[in-house]
Amino acid sequence: MHLNSVTFHPEKYPTKEVYPFSLPIFHKTKIVNLSSPITLFVGENGTGKSTLLEAIALACGIHIWRNSERSRPSYNHYEDKLCNYITVEWQNGRVPGSFFGSQIFQHFAELLDGWAAADRGQLNYFGGKSLTTQSHGQSLMSFFESRYKIKGIYLLDEPETALSPKSQIELLSLLEKMSNAGHAQFIIATHSPLLLACPNAKLYSFDSLDISSTSYEQTPHYRLYKSFFDQTDEFLKPKK
């Protein structure tokens, strides 16, 4: 384990009216203990999973590759400030790491091409070939397999977005392998029932008043998929 816990300081929040400080869950939750090499955040869209994941990354000193050229009709000056109001507790001092977000991965892959144009050896850190010349799913797996061999803490925001079920299972196997090796710790926000099935992972639900521990079978994702397949099995039964 590299990171032991994340503590919230709601008494210091600059506002209660604007996201993410307007979310009750960030007021009700005092601490999130990271007692497993793999921690999974699960919950509906808009509950704060990705926001907290990014805040943890920034509090850990991890750079998030954003497209600075993006323009928007309006800007929330508080959206990336949660990191200033949480405390991360390291076990044996700070370690390096990375943040993966499906929405920003393409921008990173294009930056890597630019670096490789000047120094092709840069590609050796990511599987040996340009990430943009592979399918999106292949490029993700090349990135994961290369990056997660390095000691560190890794935060992933919905990595299943461009992965087939087979690739999700490959990622699941990779997460187990790297975490069991003792050098990598993962915190992942996901909607994937395949990734949520990760053995020995700690699951936190964002669907209640505070961020609370849950089990795989208690997640709405598991129940929804199970209900769907149960109904499908019934529908496909031969008619008498």
C-alpha atoms as a PDB file:
ATOM      1  CA  MET A   1       0.000   0.000   0.000  1.00  0.00           C
ATOM      2  CA  HIS A   2       1.225   3.481  -0.845  1.00  0.00           C
ATOM      3  CA  LEU A   3      -1.782   5.599   0.116  1.00  0.00           C
ATOM      4  CA  ASN A   4      -3.594   4.852   3.375  1.00  0.00           C
ATOM      5  CA  SER A   5      -6.524   7.258   3.396  1.00  0.00           C
ATOM      6  CA  VAL A   6      -8.197  10.413   2.124  1.00  0.00           C
ATOM      7  CA  THR A   7      -9.629  12.861   4.699  1.00  0.00           C
ATOM      8  CA  PHE A   8     -12.160  15.605   3.890  1.00  0.00           C
ATOM      9  CA  HIS A   9     -12.212  19.067   5.492  1.00  0.00           C
ATOM     10  CA  PRO A  10     -15.727  20.415   4.784  1.00  0.00           C
ATOM     11  CA  GLU A  11     -15.374  23.129   7.420  1.00  0.00           C
ATOM     12  CA  LYS A  12     -12.834  24.790   5.090  1.00  0.00           C
ATOM     13  CA  TYR A  13     -14.828  24.584   1.852  1.00  0.00           C
ATOM     14  CA  PRO A  14     -14.968  27.953   0.048  1.00  0.00           C
ATOM     15  CA  THR A  15     -18.655  27.541  -0.864  1.00  0.00           C
ATOM     16  CA  LYS A  16     -21.621  25.230  -0.380  1.00  0.00           C
ATOM     17  CA  GLU A  17     -23.511  26.415  -3.434  1.00  0.00           C
ATOM     18  CA  VAL A  18     -21.275  25.389  -6.335  1.00  0.00           C
ATOM     19  CA  TYR A  19     -20.188  21.939  -7.570  1.00  0.00           C
ATOM     20  CA  PRO A  20     -18.378  19.957  -6.246  1.00  0.00           C
ATOM     21  CA  PHE A  21     -18.760  21.614  -2.835  1.00  0.00           C
ATOM     22  CA  SER A  22     -22.537  21.558  -3.256  1.00  0.00           C
ATOM     23  CA  LEU A  23     -22.609  17.743  -3.113  1.00  0.00           C
ATOM     24  CA  PRO A  24     -23.826  16.551   0.318  1.00  0.00           C
ATOM     25  CA  ILE A  25     -21.659  13.428   0.023  1.00  0.00           C
ATOM     26  CA  PHE A  26     -18.489  15.542   0.357  1.00  0.00           C
ATOM     27  CA  HIS A  27     -19.903  17.088   3.534  1.00  0.00           C
ATOM     28  CA  LYS A  28     -21.107  13.851   5.134  1.00  0.00           C
ATOM     29  CA  THR A  29     -17.955  11.822   4.406  1.00  0.00           C
ATOM     30  CA  LYS A  30     -15.068  12.370   6.803  1.00  0.00           C
ATOM     31  CA  ILE A  31     -12.522   9.787   5.636  1.00  0.00           C
ATOM     32  CA  VAL A  32     -12.094   7.123   2.955  1.00  0.00           C
ATOM     33  CA  ASN A  33      -9.756   4.341   4.054  1.00  0.00           C
ATOM     34  CA  LEU A  34      -7.763   2.685   1.293  1.00  0.00           C
ATOM     35  CA  SER A  35      -7.176  -0.707   2.855  1.00  0.00           C
ATOM     36  CA  SER A  36      -6.743  -2.680  -0.366  1.00  0.00           C
ATOM     37  CA  PRO A  37      -4.268  -2.429  -3.259  1.00  0.00           C
ATOM     38  CA  ILE A  38      -7.336  -2.020  -5.495  1.00  0.00           C
ATOM     39  CA  THR A  39     -10.134   0.397  -4.556  1.00  0.00           C
ATOM     40  CA  LEU A  40     -13.206   0.778  -6.766  1.00  0.00           C
ATOM     41  CA  PHE A  41     -15.593   3.743  -6.765  1.00  0.00           C
ATOM     42  CA  VAL A  42     -19.095   2.907  -7.967  1.00  0.00           C
ATOM     43  CA  GLY A  43     -22.187   5.063  -8.338  1.00  0.00           C
ATOM     44  CA  GLU A  44     -24.447   6.881 -10.756  1.00  0.00           C
ATOM     45  CA  ASN A  45     -23.253   9.709 -12.987  1.00  0.00           C
ATOM     46  CA  GLY A  46     -22.928  13.020 -11.166  1.00  0.00           C
ATOM     47  CA  THR A  47     -22.368  11.516  -7.719  1.00  0.00           C
ATOM     48  CA  GLY A  48     -18.753  12.755  -7.491  1.00  0.00           C
ATOM     49  CA  LYS A  49     -16.666   9.666  -8.330  1.00  0.00           C
ATOM     50  CA  SER A  50     -14.566  11.252 -11.062  1.00  0.00           C
ATOM     51  CA  THR A  51     -14.312  14.550  -9.204  1.00  0.00           C
ATOM     52  CA  LEU A  52     -12.882  12.840  -6.124  1.00  0.00           C
ATOM     53  CA  LEU A  53     -10.569  10.702  -8.262  1.00  0.00           C
ATOM     54  CA  GLU A  54      -9.114  13.816  -9.888  1.00  0.00           C
ATOM     55  CA  ALA A  55      -8.836  15.565  -6.521  1.00  0.00           C
ATOM     56  CA  ILE A  56      -6.864  12.627  -5.103  1.00  0.00           C
ATOM     57  CA  ALA A  57      -4.545  12.678  -8.129  1.00  0.00           C
ATOM     58  CA  LEU A  58      -3.844  16.399  -7.732  1.00  0.00           C
ATOM     59  CA  ALA A  59      -3.385  16.059  -3.966  1.00  0.00           C
ATOM     60  CA  CYS A  60      -0.819  13.327  -4.701  1.00  0.00           C
ATOM     61  CA  GLY A  61       1.074  15.614  -7.070  1.00  0.00           C
ATOM     62  CA  ILE A  62       0.042  13.622 -10.165  1.00  0.00           C
ATOM     63  CA  HIS A  63      -0.297  15.599 -13.383  1.00  0.00           C
ATOM     64  CA  ILE A  64      -3.542  15.276 -15.333  1.00  0.00           C
ATOM     65  CA  TRP A  65      -3.068  15.636 -19.079  1.00  0.00           C
ATOM     66  CA  ARG A  66      -5.765  18.068 -20.133  1.00  0.00           C
ATOM     67  CA  ASN A  67      -6.380  19.662 -23.504  1.00  0.00           C
ATOM     68  CA  SER A  68      -5.741  23.292 -22.602  1.00  0.00           C
ATOM     69  CA  GLU A  69      -7.139  24.442 -25.960  1.00  0.00           C
ATOM     70  CA  ARG A  70     -10.664  23.393 -25.045  1.00  0.00           C
ATOM     71  CA  SER A  71     -13.162  26.264 -24.995  1.00  0.00           C
ATOM     72  CA  ARG A  72     -16.430  26.343 -23.050  1.00  0.00           C
ATOM     73  CA  PRO A  73     -19.340  28.774 -22.845  1.00  0.00           C
ATOM     74  CA  SER A  74     -18.929  28.991 -19.068  1.00  0.00           C
ATOM     75  CA  TYR A  75     -16.368  27.910 -16.511  1.00  0.00           C
ATOM     76  CA  ASN A  76     -16.782  26.701 -12.928  1.00  0.00           C
ATOM     77  CA  HIS A  77     -13.803  28.090 -11.013  1.00  0.00           C
ATOM     78  CA  TYR A  78     -14.385  25.579  -8.216  1.00  0.00           C
ATOM     79  CA  GLU A  79     -14.516  22.372 -10.248  1.00  0.00           C
ATOM     80  CA  ASP A  80     -10.855  21.416  -9.702  1.00  0.00           C
ATOM     81  CA  LYS A  81     -10.438  22.881  -6.207  1.00  0.00           C
ATOM     82  CA  LEU A  82     -11.531  19.909  -4.065  1.00  0.00           C
ATOM     83  CA  CYS A  83      -7.893  18.778  -3.942  1.00  0.00           C
ATOM     84  CA  ASN A  84      -7.139  21.794  -1.720  1.00  0.00           C
ATOM     85  CA  TYR A  85      -9.597  20.597   0.920  1.00  0.00           C
ATOM     86  CA  ILE A  86      -8.618  16.944   1.304  1.00  0.00           C
ATOM     87  CA  THR A  87      -5.598  15.382   2.982  1.00  0.00           C
ATOM     88  CA  VAL A  88      -3.923  12.238   1.663  1.00  0.00           C
ATOM     89  CA  GLU A  89      -1.990  10.037   4.071  1.00  0.00           C
ATOM     90  CA  TRP A  90       0.990   8.174   2.627  1.00  0.00           C
ATOM     91  CA  GLN A  91       2.245   4.957   4.168  1.00  0.00           C
ATOM     92  CA  ASN A  92       5.959   5.338   3.487  1.00  0.00           C
ATOM     93  CA  GLY A  93       6.273   8.635   1.686  1.00  0.00           C
ATOM     94  CA  ARG A  94       5.102   9.897  -1.688  1.00  0.00           C
ATOM     95  CA  VAL A  95       5.429   7.665  -4.755  1.00  0.00           C
ATOM     96  CA  PRO A  96       4.962   8.589  -8.432  1.00  0.00           C
ATOM     97  CA  GLY A  97       1.838   7.677 -10.348  1.00  0.00           C
ATOM     98  CA  SER A  98      -0.495   8.576 -13.178  1.00  0.00           C
ATOM     99  CA  PHE A  99      -4.098   9.512 -13.872  1.00  0.00           C
ATOM    100  CA  PHE A 100      -6.002   7.863 -16.710  1.00  0.00           C
ATOM    101  CA  GLY A 101      -9.193   9.349 -18.088  1.00  0.00           C
ATOM    102  CA  SER A 102     -10.809   8.045 -21.251  1.00  0.00           C
ATOM    103  CA  GLN A 103     -11.691  11.583 -22.342  1.00  0.00           C
ATOM    104  CA  ILE A 104      -8.110  12.842 -22.133  1.00  0.00           C
ATOM    105  CA  PHE A 105      -6.236   9.727 -23.295  1.00  0.00           C
ATOM    106  CA  GLN A 106      -6.397  10.683 -26.986  1.00  0.00           C
ATOM    107  CA  HIS A 107      -4.821  14.046 -26.206  1.00  0.00           C
ATOM    108  CA  PHE A 108      -1.989  12.288 -24.360  1.00  0.00           C
ATOM    109  CA  ALA A 109      -1.480   9.829 -27.239  1.00  0.00           C
ATOM    110  CA  GLU A 110      -1.138  12.731 -29.676  1.00  0.00           C
ATOM    111  CA  LEU A 111       1.371  14.453 -27.370  1.00  0.00           C
ATOM    112  CA  LEU A 112       3.366  11.217 -27.237  1.00  0.00           C
ATOM    113  CA  ASP A 113       3.556  11.211 -31.050  1.00  0.00           C
ATOM    114  CA  GLY A 114       5.044  14.694 -30.873  1.00  0.00           C
ATOM    115  CA  TRP A 115       7.678  13.595 -28.373  1.00  0.00           C
ATOM    116  CA  ALA A 116       8.465  10.485 -30.431  1.00  0.00           C
ATOM    117  CA  ALA A 117       9.022  12.616 -33.530  1.00  0.00           C
ATOM    118  CA  ALA A 118      12.017  14.104 -31.709  1.00  0.00           C
ATOM    119  CA  ASP A 119      12.991  10.940 -29.820  1.00  0.00           C
ATOM    120  CA  ARG A 120      11.491   7.680 -31.039  1.00  0.00           C
ATOM    121  CA  GLY A 121      12.751   5.961 -27.903  1.00  0.00           C
ATOM    122  CA  GLN A 122       9.854   7.582 -26.037  1.00  0.00           C
ATOM    123  CA  LEU A 123       7.583   4.913 -27.556  1.00  0.00           C
ATOM    124  CA  ASN A 124       9.521   2.175 -25.756  1.00  0.00           C
ATOM    125  CA  TYR A 125       7.793   3.221 -22.541  1.00  0.00           C
ATOM    126  CA  PHE A 126       4.373   2.515 -24.069  1.00  0.00           C
ATOM    127  CA  GLY A 127       4.724  -0.770 -25.937  1.00  0.00           C
ATOM    128  CA  GLY A 128       7.119   0.311 -28.679  1.00  0.00           C
ATOM    129  CA  LYS A 129       4.720   1.837 -31.183  1.00  0.00           C
ATOM    130  CA  SER A 130       2.506   4.868 -31.555  1.00  0.00           C
ATOM    131  CA  LEU A 131      -0.683   4.675 -29.537  1.00  0.00           C
ATOM    132  CA  THR A 132      -2.568   6.536 -32.268  1.00  0.00           C
ATOM    133  CA  THR A 133      -1.813   3.844 -34.882  1.00  0.00           C
ATOM    134  CA  GLN A 134      -3.637   1.182 -32.863  1.00  0.00           C
ATOM    135  CA  SER A 135      -7.337   0.785 -32.223  1.00  0.00           C
ATOM    136  CA  HIS A 136      -8.512   2.691 -29.185  1.00  0.00           C
ATOM    137  CA  GLY A 137      -8.865  -0.488 -27.149  1.00  0.00           C
ATOM    138  CA  GLN A 138      -5.446  -1.800 -28.233  1.00  0.00           C
ATOM    139  CA  SER A 139      -3.763   1.510 -27.438  1.00  0.00           C
ATOM    140  CA  LEU A 140      -5.306   1.507 -23.948  1.00  0.00           C
ATOM    141  CA  MET A 141      -4.040  -1.993 -23.186  1.00  0.00           C
ATOM    142  CA  SER A 142      -0.563  -1.103 -24.527  1.00  0.00           C
ATOM    143  CA  PHE A 143      -0.515   1.894 -22.212  1.00  0.00           C
ATOM    144  CA  PHE A 144      -1.771  -0.083 -19.198  1.00  0.00           C
ATOM    145  CA  GLU A 145       0.637  -3.008 -19.688  1.00  0.00           C
ATOM    146  CA  SER A 146       3.643  -0.705 -19.999  1.00  0.00           C
ATOM    147  CA  ARG A 147       2.850   1.926 -17.389  1.00  0.00           C
ATOM    148  CA  TYR A 148       1.660  -0.273 -14.544  1.00  0.00           C
ATOM    149  CA  LYS A 149       4.922  -2.210 -14.314  1.00  0.00           C
ATOM    150  CA  ILE A 150       6.375   0.840 -12.591  1.00  0.00           C
ATOM    151  CA  LYS A 151       6.045   1.268  -8.823  1.00  0.00           C
ATOM    152  CA  GLY A 152       3.368   3.838  -8.067  1.00  0.00           C
ATOM    153  CA  ILE A 153      -0.238   4.769  -7.452  1.00  0.00           C
ATOM    154  CA  TYR A 154      -2.599   4.710 -10.415  1.00  0.00           C
ATOM    155  CA  LEU A 155      -5.970   6.385 -10.745  1.00  0.00           C
ATOM    156  CA  LEU A 156      -8.301   5.335 -13.561  1.00  0.00           C
ATOM    157  CA  ASP A 157     -11.555   7.024 -14.530  1.00  0.00           C
ATOM    158  CA  GLU A 158     -13.907   4.610 -16.323  1.00  0.00           C
ATOM    159  CA  PRO A 159     -11.177   2.672 -18.174  1.00  0.00           C
ATOM    160  CA  GLU A 160     -13.817   0.307 -19.596  1.00  0.00           C
ATOM    161  CA  THR A 161     -15.184   2.975 -21.955  1.00  0.00           C
ATOM    162  CA  ALA A 162     -13.340   1.748 -25.069  1.00  0.00           C
ATOM    163  CA  LEU A 163     -12.643  -1.822 -23.971  1.00  0.00           C
ATOM    164  CA  SER A 164     -14.482  -4.907 -25.149  1.00  0.00           C
ATOM    165  CA  PRO A 165     -15.607  -7.373 -22.448  1.00  0.00           C
ATOM    166  CA  LYS A 166     -12.576  -9.537 -23.332  1.00  0.00           C
ATOM    167  CA  SER A 167     -10.216  -6.575 -22.912  1.00  0.00           C
ATOM    168  CA  GLN A 168     -11.894  -5.651 -19.620  1.00  0.00           C
ATOM    169  CA  ILE A 169     -11.133  -9.131 -18.328  1.00  0.00           C
ATOM    170  CA  GLU A 170      -7.526  -8.719 -19.537  1.00  0.00           C
ATOM    171  CA  LEU A 171      -7.339  -5.435 -17.635  1.00  0.00           C
ATOM    172  CA  LEU A 172      -8.819  -7.127 -14.572  1.00  0.00           C
ATOM    173  CA  SER A 173      -6.101  -9.781 -14.761  1.00  0.00           C
ATOM    174  CA  LEU A 174      -3.436  -7.103 -15.174  1.00  0.00           C
ATOM    175  CA  LEU A 175      -4.697  -5.182 -12.131  1.00  0.00           C
ATOM    176  CA  GLU A 176      -4.551  -8.316 -10.000  1.00  0.00           C
ATOM    177  CA  LYS A 177      -1.075  -9.206 -11.251  1.00  0.00           C
ATOM    178  CA  MET A 178       0.408  -5.774 -10.646  1.00  0.00           C
ATOM    179  CA  SER A 179      -1.239  -5.247  -7.262  1.00  0.00           C
ATOM    180  CA  ASN A 180      -0.189  -8.730  -6.088  1.00  0.00           C
ATOM    181  CA  ALA A 181       3.388  -7.895  -7.030  1.00  0.00           C
ATOM    182  CA  GLY A 182       3.259  -5.315  -4.250  1.00  0.00           C
ATOM    183  CA  HIS A 183       4.440  -2.273  -6.177  1.00  0.00           C
ATOM    184  CA  ALA A 184       1.218  -0.831  -7.599  1.00  0.00           C
ATOM    185  CA  GLN A 185      -1.920   0.560  -5.972  1.00  0.00           C
ATOM    186  CA  PHE A 186      -5.064   1.330  -7.986  1.00  0.00           C
ATOM    187  CA  ILE A 187      -8.060   3.584  -7.374  1.00  0.00           C
ATOM    188  CA  ILE A 188     -10.679   3.213 -10.088  1.00  0.00           C
ATOM    189  CA  ALA A 189     -14.038   4.802 -10.838  1.00  0.00           C
ATOM    190  CA  THR A 190     -16.078   2.401 -12.933  1.00  0.00           C
ATOM    191  CA  HIS A 191     -19.506   1.316 -14.145  1.00  0.00           C
ATOM    192  CA  SER A 192     -18.230  -2.057 -15.375  1.00  0.00           C
ATOM    193  CA  PRO A 193     -19.688  -5.106 -13.582  1.00  0.00           C
ATOM    194  CA  LEU A 194     -16.637  -7.017 -14.844  1.00  0.00           C
ATOM    195  CA  LEU A 195     -14.130  -4.703 -13.154  1.00  0.00           C
ATOM    196  CA  LEU A 196     -16.324  -4.474 -10.056  1.00  0.00           C
ATOM    197  CA  ALA A 197     -15.915  -8.246  -9.699  1.00  0.00           C
ATOM    198  CA  CYS A 198     -12.205  -7.810  -8.975  1.00  0.00           C
ATOM    199  CA  PRO A 199     -11.278 -10.247  -6.162  1.00  0.00           C
ATOM    200  CA  ASN A 200     -10.122  -8.655  -2.899  1.00  0.00           C
ATOM    201  CA  ALA A 201     -10.900  -5.130  -4.126  1.00  0.00           C
ATOM    202  CA  LYS A 202     -12.443  -2.594  -1.750  1.00  0.00           C
ATOM    203  CA  LEU A 203     -15.700  -1.163  -3.144  1.00  0.00           C
ATOM    204  CA  TYR A 204     -17.083   2.242  -2.190  1.00  0.00           C
ATOM    205  CA  SER A 205     -20.585   3.340  -3.154  1.00  0.00           C
ATOM    206  CA  PHE A 206     -21.372   6.978  -3.982  1.00  0.00           C
ATOM    207  CA  ASP A 207     -25.122   6.342  -4.095  1.00  0.00           C
ATOM    208  CA  SER A 208     -25.856   7.077  -0.430  1.00  0.00           C
ATOM    209  CA  LEU A 209     -25.501  10.081   1.879  1.00  0.00           C
ATOM    210  CA  ASP A 210     -21.825   9.379   2.420  1.00  0.00           C
ATOM    211  CA  ILE A 211     -19.144   7.369   0.640  1.00  0.00           C
ATOM    212  CA  SER A 212     -19.745   3.936   2.125  1.00  0.00           C
ATOM    213  CA  SER A 213     -18.260   0.479   1.788  1.00  0.00           C
ATOM    214  CA  THR A 214     -20.311  -1.980  -0.227  1.00  0.00           C
ATOM    215  CA  SER A 215     -20.104  -5.487  -1.686  1.00  0.00           C
ATOM    216  CA  TYR A 216     -20.200  -6.559  -5.306  1.00  0.00           C
ATOM    217  CA  GLU A 217     -23.632  -8.162  -4.954  1.00  0.00           C
ATOM    218  CA  GLN A 218     -25.042  -4.985  -3.373  1.00  0.00           C
ATOM    219  CA  THR A 219     -24.094  -2.724  -6.274  1.00  0.00           C
ATOM    220  CA  PRO A 220     -26.949  -1.621  -8.569  1.00  0.00           C
ATOM    221  CA  HIS A 221     -24.739  -2.595 -11.517  1.00  0.00           C
ATOM    222  CA  TYR A 222     -24.576  -6.231 -10.433  1.00  0.00           C
ATOM    223  CA  ARG A 223     -28.289  -6.380  -9.614  1.00  0.00           C
ATOM    224  CA  LEU A 224     -29.273  -4.755 -12.901  1.00  0.00           C
ATOM    225  CA  TYR A 225     -27.146  -7.066 -15.043  1.00  0.00           C
ATOM    226  CA  LYS A 226     -28.229 -10.138 -13.079  1.00  0.00           C
ATOM    227  CA  SER A 227     -31.884  -9.192 -13.500  1.00  0.00           C
ATOM    228  CA  PHE A 228     -31.355  -8.587 -17.210  1.00  0.00           C
ATOM    229  CA  PHE A 229     -29.686 -11.949 -17.816  1.00  0.00           C
ATOM    230  CA  ASP A 230     -32.214 -13.775 -15.663  1.00  0.00           C
ATOM    231  CA  GLN A 231     -35.003 -12.289 -17.762  1.00  0.00           C
ATOM    232  CA  THR A 232     -33.121 -13.078 -20.970  1.00  0.00           C
ATOM    233  CA  ASP A 233     -32.741 -16.714 -19.918  1.00  0.00           C
ATOM    234  CA  GLU A 234     -36.458 -16.892 -19.236  1.00  0.00           C
ATOM    235  CA  PHE A 235     -37.279 -15.271 -22.575  1.00  0.00           C
ATOM    236  CA  LEU A 236     -35.040 -17.712 -24.488  1.00  0.00           C
ATOM    237  CA  LYS A 237     -36.546 -20.816 -22.931  1.00  0.00           C
ATOM    238  CA  PRO A 238     -38.304 -23.020 -25.508  1.00  0.00           C
ATOM    239  CA  LYS A 239     -42.036 -22.409 -25.545  1.00  0.00           C
ATOM    240  CA  LYS A 240     -44.146 -25.417 -24.612  1.00  0.00           C
END
